[in-house]
Amino acid sequence: MAPPITIKRHEAVPGTGSYEVGFADGRPSVYFYWDDLPDRRLRQDLTPAKKRASGAQELARTERDKLSAGTA
């Protein structure tokens, strides 16, 4: 069985935050930062939460598939 890969949503300030893709095998987490309030954005590369959630899910799915293929 492959080690679990988790996705956690962080939202310290309403309308902005990140999704953390965490790896149980000790690799560093990957973060997808988002901001749903365009007039408040400090960084132009931040996108709405839905788009970043999709990116986090895709990374987790890809990594799970790699781990599954390696153990099969």
PDB file of N, CA and C in Angstrom:
ATOM      1  N   MET A   1       0.839  -1.190   0.000  1.00  0.00           N
ATOM      2  CA  MET A   1       0.000   0.000   0.000  1.00  0.00           C
ATOM      3  C   MET A   1       0.880   1.247   0.000  1.00  0.00           C
ATOM      4  N   ALA A   2       0.534   2.208  -0.838  1.00  0.00           N
ATOM      5  CA  ALA A   2       1.291   3.441  -0.964  1.00  0.00           C
ATOM      6  C   ALA A   2       1.047   4.348   0.238  1.00  0.00           C
ATOM      7  N   PRO A   3       2.090   5.099   0.649  1.00  0.00           N
ATOM      8  CA  PRO A   3       1.882   6.044   1.746  1.00  0.00           C
ATOM      9  C   PRO A   3       0.835   7.084   1.359  1.00  0.00           C
ATOM     10  N   PRO A   4       0.039   7.540   2.318  1.00  0.00           N
ATOM     11  CA  PRO A   4      -1.022   8.496   1.983  1.00  0.00           C
ATOM     12  C   PRO A   4      -0.497   9.866   1.557  1.00  0.00           C
ATOM     13  N   ILE A   5      -1.256  10.462   0.677  1.00  0.00           N
ATOM     14  CA  ILE A   5      -1.010  11.832   0.242  1.00  0.00           C
ATOM     15  C   ILE A   5      -2.253  12.610   0.634  1.00  0.00           C
ATOM     16  N   THR A   6      -2.077  13.693   1.355  1.00  0.00           N
ATOM     17  CA  THR A   6      -3.214  14.450   1.865  1.00  0.00           C
ATOM     18  C   THR A   6      -3.264  15.846   1.254  1.00  0.00           C
ATOM     19  N   ILE A   7      -4.468  16.402   1.228  1.00  0.00           N
ATOM     20  CA  ILE A   7      -4.663  17.787   0.811  1.00  0.00           C
ATOM     21  C   ILE A   7      -5.350  18.504   1.968  1.00  0.00           C
ATOM     22  N   LYS A   8      -4.716  19.578   2.447  1.00  0.00           N
ATOM     23  CA  LYS A   8      -5.292  20.378   3.534  1.00  0.00           C
ATOM     24  C   LYS A   8      -5.522  21.799   3.038  1.00  0.00           C
ATOM     25  N   ARG A   9      -6.674  22.345   3.377  1.00  0.00           N
ATOM     26  CA  ARG A   9      -6.993  23.731   3.027  1.00  0.00           C
ATOM     27  C   ARG A   9      -6.644  24.614   4.221  1.00  0.00           C
ATOM     28  N   HIS A  10      -5.893  25.671   3.966  1.00  0.00           N
ATOM     29  CA  HIS A  10      -5.537  26.651   4.991  1.00  0.00           C
ATOM     30  C   HIS A  10      -6.167  27.990   4.608  1.00  0.00           C
ATOM     31  N   GLU A  11      -6.893  28.596   5.538  1.00  0.00           N
ATOM     32  CA  GLU A  11      -7.527  29.896   5.272  1.00  0.00           C
ATOM     33  C   GLU A  11      -7.478  30.722   6.557  1.00  0.00           C
ATOM     34  N   ALA A  12      -6.340  31.385   6.791  1.00  0.00           N
ATOM     35  CA  ALA A  12      -6.179  32.197   7.994  1.00  0.00           C
ATOM     36  C   ALA A  12      -6.960  33.509   7.879  1.00  0.00           C
ATOM     37  N   VAL A  13      -7.031  34.046   6.676  1.00  0.00           N
ATOM     38  CA  VAL A  13      -7.770  35.273   6.407  1.00  0.00           C
ATOM     39  C   VAL A  13      -8.898  34.904   5.455  1.00  0.00           C
ATOM     40  N   PRO A  14     -10.136  35.282   5.741  1.00  0.00           N
ATOM     41  CA  PRO A  14     -11.243  34.918   4.848  1.00  0.00           C
ATOM     42  C   PRO A  14     -10.984  35.365   3.409  1.00  0.00           C
ATOM     43  N   GLY A  15     -11.187  34.435   2.473  1.00  0.00           N
ATOM     44  CA  GLY A  15     -11.035  34.747   1.068  1.00  0.00           C
ATOM     45  C   GLY A  15      -9.650  34.531   0.504  1.00  0.00           C
ATOM     46  N   THR A  16      -8.687  34.108   1.319  1.00  0.00           N
ATOM     47  CA  THR A  16      -7.325  33.876   0.840  1.00  0.00           C
ATOM     48  C   THR A  16      -6.689  32.753   1.654  1.00  0.00           C
ATOM     49  N   GLY A  17      -5.795  32.013   1.033  1.00  0.00           N
ATOM     50  CA  GLY A  17      -5.151  30.919   1.749  1.00  0.00           C
ATOM     51  C   GLY A  17      -4.352  30.028   0.815  1.00  0.00           C
ATOM     52  N   SER A  18      -4.275  28.741   1.181  1.00  0.00           N
ATOM     53  CA  SER A  18      -3.513  27.799   0.375  1.00  0.00           C
ATOM     54  C   SER A  18      -4.068  26.392   0.544  1.00  0.00           C
ATOM     55  N   TYR A  19      -3.689  25.551  -0.400  1.00  0.00           N
ATOM     56  CA  TYR A  19      -3.918  24.117  -0.295  1.00  0.00           C
ATOM     57  C   TYR A  19      -2.547  23.487  -0.140  1.00  0.00           C
ATOM     58  N   GLU A  20      -2.409  22.629   0.857  1.00  0.00           N
ATOM     59  CA  GLU A  20      -1.146  21.941   1.115  1.00  0.00           C
ATOM     60  C   GLU A  20      -1.292  20.482   0.697  1.00  0.00           C
ATOM     61  N   VAL A  21      -0.441  20.043  -0.217  1.00  0.00           N
ATOM     62  CA  VAL A  21      -0.386  18.626  -0.590  1.00  0.00           C
ATOM     63  C   VAL A  21       0.757  18.038   0.226  1.00  0.00           C
ATOM     64  N   GLY A  22       0.403  17.160   1.184  1.00  0.00           N
ATOM     65  CA  GLY A  22       1.382  16.581   2.096  1.00  0.00           C
ATOM     66  C   GLY A  22       1.683  15.129   1.754  1.00  0.00           C
ATOM     67  N   PHE A  23       2.931  14.742   1.940  1.00  0.00           N
ATOM     68  CA  PHE A  23       3.392  13.399   1.624  1.00  0.00           C
ATOM     69  C   PHE A  23       3.853  12.705   2.898  1.00  0.00           C
ATOM     70  N   ALA A  24       3.328  11.520   3.157  1.00  0.00           N
ATOM     71  CA  ALA A  24       3.662  10.784   4.374  1.00  0.00           C
ATOM     72  C   ALA A  24       5.064  10.179   4.330  1.00  0.00           C
ATOM     73  N   ASP A  25       5.672  10.133   3.146  1.00  0.00           N
ATOM     74  CA  ASP A  25       6.994   9.523   3.027  1.00  0.00           C
ATOM     75  C   ASP A  25       8.132  10.495   3.336  1.00  0.00           C
ATOM     76  N   GLY A  26       7.817  11.686   3.830  1.00  0.00           N
ATOM     77  CA  GLY A  26       8.843  12.627   4.272  1.00  0.00           C
ATOM     78  C   GLY A  26       9.216  13.710   3.272  1.00  0.00           C
ATOM     79  N   ARG A  27       8.666  13.649   2.058  1.00  0.00           N
ATOM     80  CA  ARG A  27       8.953  14.718   1.105  1.00  0.00           C
ATOM     81  C   ARG A  27       8.329  16.014   1.586  1.00  0.00           C
ATOM     82  N   PRO A  28       8.913  17.156   1.221  1.00  0.00           N
ATOM     83  CA  PRO A  28       8.316  18.423   1.635  1.00  0.00           C
ATOM     84  C   PRO A  28       6.954  18.637   0.976  1.00  0.00           C
ATOM     85  N   SER A  29       6.068  19.302   1.678  1.00  0.00           N
ATOM     86  CA  SER A  29       4.744  19.611   1.153  1.00  0.00           C
ATOM     87  C   SER A  29       4.841  20.587  -0.014  1.00  0.00           C
ATOM     88  N   VAL A  30       3.835  20.545  -0.873  1.00  0.00           N
ATOM     89  CA  VAL A  30       3.719  21.490  -1.990  1.00  0.00           C
ATOM     90  C   VAL A  30       2.491  22.338  -1.714  1.00  0.00           C
ATOM     91  N   TYR A  31       2.636  23.646  -1.873  1.00  0.00           N
ATOM     92  CA  TYR A  31       1.544  24.572  -1.562  1.00  0.00           C
ATOM     93  C   TYR A  31       1.011  25.214  -2.828  1.00  0.00           C
ATOM     94  N   PHE A  32      -0.316  25.368  -2.885  1.00  0.00           N
ATOM     95  CA  PHE A  32      -1.013  26.067  -3.958  1.00  0.00           C
ATOM     96  C   PHE A  32      -1.734  27.248  -3.306  1.00  0.00           C
ATOM     97  N   TYR A  33      -1.209  28.459  -3.513  1.00  0.00           N
ATOM     98  CA  TYR A  33      -1.766  29.649  -2.880  1.00  0.00           C
ATOM     99  C   TYR A  33      -2.897  30.220  -3.724  1.00  0.00           C
ATOM    100  N   TRP A  34      -3.924  30.741  -3.064  1.00  0.00           N
ATOM    101  CA  TRP A  34      -5.081  31.289  -3.762  1.00  0.00           C
ATOM    102  C   TRP A  34      -5.585  32.542  -3.074  1.00  0.00           C
ATOM    103  N   ASP A  35      -6.347  33.320  -3.838  1.00  0.00           N
ATOM    104  CA  ASP A  35      -6.962  34.542  -3.319  1.00  0.00           C
ATOM    105  C   ASP A  35      -8.237  34.799  -4.123  1.00  0.00           C
ATOM    106  N   ASP A  36      -9.370  34.822  -3.452  1.00  0.00           N
ATOM    107  CA  ASP A  36     -10.652  35.030  -4.126  1.00  0.00           C
ATOM    108  C   ASP A  36     -11.057  36.498  -4.197  1.00  0.00           C
ATOM    109  N   LEU A  37     -10.214  37.390  -3.721  1.00  0.00           N
ATOM    110  CA  LEU A  37     -10.531  38.821  -3.737  1.00  0.00           C
ATOM    111  C   LEU A  37      -9.507  39.552  -4.615  1.00  0.00           C
ATOM    112  N   PRO A  38      -9.769  39.670  -5.918  1.00  0.00           N
ATOM    113  CA  PRO A  38      -8.770  40.229  -6.836  1.00  0.00           C
ATOM    114  C   PRO A  38      -8.319  41.647  -6.502  1.00  0.00           C
ATOM    115  N   ASP A  39      -9.183  42.456  -5.937  1.00  0.00           N
ATOM    116  CA  ASP A  39      -8.783  43.834  -5.635  1.00  0.00           C
ATOM    117  C   ASP A  39      -7.840  43.914  -4.442  1.00  0.00           C
ATOM    118  N   ARG A  40      -7.687  42.834  -3.693  1.00  0.00           N
ATOM    119  CA  ARG A  40      -6.810  42.810  -2.521  1.00  0.00           C
ATOM    120  C   ARG A  40      -5.517  42.051  -2.787  1.00  0.00           C
ATOM    121  N   ARG A  41      -5.373  41.433  -3.935  1.00  0.00           N
ATOM    122  CA  ARG A  41      -4.217  40.581  -4.212  1.00  0.00           C
ATOM    123  C   ARG A  41      -2.911  41.351  -4.170  1.00  0.00           C
ATOM    124  N   LEU A  42      -1.969  40.806  -3.423  1.00  0.00           N
ATOM    125  CA  LEU A  42      -0.632  41.381  -3.381  1.00  0.00           C
ATOM    126  C   LEU A  42       0.253  40.798  -4.478  1.00  0.00           C
ATOM    127  N   ARG A  43      -0.110  39.599  -4.919  1.00  0.00           N
ATOM    128  CA  ARG A  43       0.646  38.925  -5.971  1.00  0.00           C
ATOM    129  C   ARG A  43      -0.295  38.629  -7.132  1.00  0.00           C
ATOM    130  N   GLN A  44       0.130  38.958  -8.333  1.00  0.00           N
ATOM    131  CA  GLN A  44      -0.707  38.771  -9.511  1.00  0.00           C
ATOM    132  C   GLN A  44      -0.844  37.307  -9.910  1.00  0.00           C
ATOM    133  N   ASP A  45       0.064  36.436  -9.435  1.00  0.00           N
ATOM    134  CA  ASP A  45       0.013  35.026  -9.816  1.00  0.00           C
ATOM    135  C   ASP A  45      -0.991  34.219  -8.984  1.00  0.00           C
ATOM    136  N   LEU A  46      -1.629  34.841  -7.996  1.00  0.00           N
ATOM    137  CA  LEU A  46      -2.624  34.134  -7.197  1.00  0.00           C
ATOM    138  C   LEU A  46      -3.935  34.054  -7.961  1.00  0.00           C
ATOM    139  N   THR A  47      -4.560  32.899  -7.907  1.00  0.00           N
ATOM    140  CA  THR A  47      -5.801  32.668  -8.637  1.00  0.00           C
ATOM    141  C   THR A  47      -6.889  32.226  -7.670  1.00  0.00           C
ATOM    142  N   PRO A  48      -8.134  32.141  -8.137  1.00  0.00           N
ATOM    143  CA  PRO A  48      -9.226  31.725  -7.252  1.00  0.00           C
ATOM    144  C   PRO A  48      -9.026  30.318  -6.678  1.00  0.00           C
ATOM    145  N   ALA A  49      -9.663  30.076  -5.547  1.00  0.00           N
ATOM    146  CA  ALA A  49      -9.510  28.816  -4.815  1.00  0.00           C
ATOM    147  C   ALA A  49      -9.875  27.604  -5.666  1.00  0.00           C
ATOM    148  N   LYS A  50     -10.927  27.694  -6.479  1.00  0.00           N
ATOM    149  CA  LYS A  50     -11.345  26.544  -7.293  1.00  0.00           C
ATOM    150  C   LYS A  50     -10.232  26.076  -8.224  1.00  0.00           C
ATOM    151  N   LYS A  51      -9.557  27.023  -8.857  1.00  0.00           N
ATOM    152  CA  LYS A  51      -8.492  26.669  -9.790  1.00  0.00           C
ATOM    153  C   LYS A  51      -7.319  26.035  -9.046  1.00  0.00           C
ATOM    154  N   ARG A  52      -6.970  26.570  -7.895  1.00  0.00           N
ATOM    155  CA  ARG A  52      -5.862  26.019  -7.114  1.00  0.00           C
ATOM    156  C   ARG A  52      -6.215  24.662  -6.521  1.00  0.00           C
ATOM    157  N   ALA A  53      -7.463  24.476  -6.134  1.00  0.00           N
ATOM    158  CA  ALA A  53      -7.895  23.169  -5.619  1.00  0.00           C
ATOM    159  C   ALA A  53      -7.736  22.113  -6.702  1.00  0.00           C
ATOM    160  N   SER A  54      -8.080  22.457  -7.930  1.00  0.00           N
ATOM    161  CA  SER A  54      -7.925  21.522  -9.046  1.00  0.00           C
ATOM    162  C   SER A  54      -6.459  21.149  -9.243  1.00  0.00           C
ATOM    163  N   GLY A  55      -5.579  22.131  -9.136  1.00  0.00           N
ATOM    164  CA  GLY A  55      -4.145  21.867  -9.270  1.00  0.00           C
ATOM    165  C   GLY A  55      -3.626  20.964  -8.173  1.00  0.00           C
ATOM    166  N   ALA A  56      -4.074  21.204  -6.943  1.00  0.00           N
ATOM    167  CA  ALA A  56      -3.653  20.367  -5.812  1.00  0.00           C
ATOM    168  C   ALA A  56      -4.156  18.944  -5.980  1.00  0.00           C
ATOM    169  N   GLN A  57      -5.402  18.791  -6.420  1.00  0.00           N
ATOM    170  CA  GLN A  57      -5.966  17.455  -6.628  1.00  0.00           C
ATOM    171  C   GLN A  57      -5.235  16.723  -7.745  1.00  0.00           C
ATOM    172  N   GLU A  58      -4.895  17.427  -8.803  1.00  0.00           N
ATOM    173  CA  GLU A  58      -4.186  16.803  -9.917  1.00  0.00           C
ATOM    174  C   GLU A  58      -2.797  16.328  -9.482  1.00  0.00           C
ATOM    175  N   LEU A  59      -2.076  17.151  -8.712  1.00  0.00           N
ATOM    176  CA  LEU A  59      -0.763  16.745  -8.217  1.00  0.00           C
ATOM    177  C   LEU A  59      -0.891  15.513  -7.326  1.00  0.00           C
ATOM    178  N   ALA A  60      -1.840  15.514  -6.400  1.00  0.00           N
ATOM    179  CA  ALA A  60      -2.037  14.372  -5.509  1.00  0.00           C
ATOM    180  C   ALA A  60      -2.367  13.114  -6.306  1.00  0.00           C
ATOM    181  N   ARG A  61      -3.229  13.234  -7.293  1.00  0.00           N
ATOM    182  CA  ARG A  61      -3.613  12.084  -8.125  1.00  0.00           C
ATOM    183  C   ARG A  61      -2.404  11.540  -8.886  1.00  0.00           C
ATOM    184  N   THR A  62      -1.613  12.432  -9.470  1.00  0.00           N
ATOM    185  CA  THR A  62      -0.423  12.022 -10.220  1.00  0.00           C
ATOM    186  C   THR A  62       0.576  11.304  -9.322  1.00  0.00           C
ATOM    187  N   GLU A  63       0.816  11.862  -8.140  1.00  0.00           N
ATOM    188  CA  GLU A  63       1.764  11.249  -7.203  1.00  0.00           C
ATOM    189  C   GLU A  63       1.254   9.899  -6.696  1.00  0.00           C
ATOM    190  N   ARG A  64      -0.043   9.784  -6.444  1.00  0.00           N
ATOM    191  CA  ARG A  64      -0.608   8.485  -6.032  1.00  0.00           C
ATOM    192  C   ARG A  64      -0.424   7.449  -7.129  1.00  0.00           C
ATOM    193  N   ASP A  65      -0.657   7.856  -8.377  1.00  0.00           N
ATOM    194  CA  ASP A  65      -0.491   6.931  -9.502  1.00  0.00           C
ATOM    195  C   ASP A  65       0.969   6.479  -9.624  1.00  0.00           C
ATOM    196  N   LYS A  66       1.907   7.400  -9.435  1.00  0.00           N
ATOM    197  CA  LYS A  66       3.335   7.040  -9.486  1.00  0.00           C
ATOM    198  C   LYS A  66       3.663   6.030  -8.398  1.00  0.00           C
ATOM    199  N   LEU A  67       3.170   6.294  -7.193  1.00  0.00           N
ATOM    200  CA  LEU A  67       3.452   5.384  -6.081  1.00  0.00           C
ATOM    201  C   LEU A  67       2.808   4.010  -6.302  1.00  0.00           C
ATOM    202  N   SER A  68       1.608   4.003  -6.817  1.00  0.00           N
ATOM    203  CA  SER A  68       0.906   2.742  -7.085  1.00  0.00           C
ATOM    204  C   SER A  68       1.619   1.940  -8.168  1.00  0.00           C
ATOM    205  N   ALA A  69       2.095   2.618  -9.196  1.00  0.00           N
ATOM    206  CA  ALA A  69       2.794   1.941 -10.289  1.00  0.00           C
ATOM    207  C   ALA A  69       4.116   1.356  -9.804  1.00  0.00           C
ATOM    208  N   GLY A  70       4.751   2.033  -8.859  1.00  0.00           N
ATOM    209  CA  GLY A  70       6.019   1.552  -8.332  1.00  0.00           C
ATOM    210  C   GLY A  70       5.891   0.347  -7.412  1.00  0.00           C
ATOM    211  N   THR A  71       4.715   0.162  -6.812  1.00  0.00           N
ATOM    212  CA  THR A  71       4.530  -0.946  -5.883  1.00  0.00           C
ATOM    213  C   THR A  71       3.840  -2.131  -6.541  1.00  0.00           C
ATOM    214  N   ALA A  72       3.333  -1.955  -7.751  1.00  0.00           N
ATOM    215  CA  ALA A  72       2.599  -3.045  -8.414  1.00  0.00           C
ATOM    216  C   ALA A  72       3.539  -4.013  -9.088  1.00  0.00           C
TER     217      ALA A  72
END
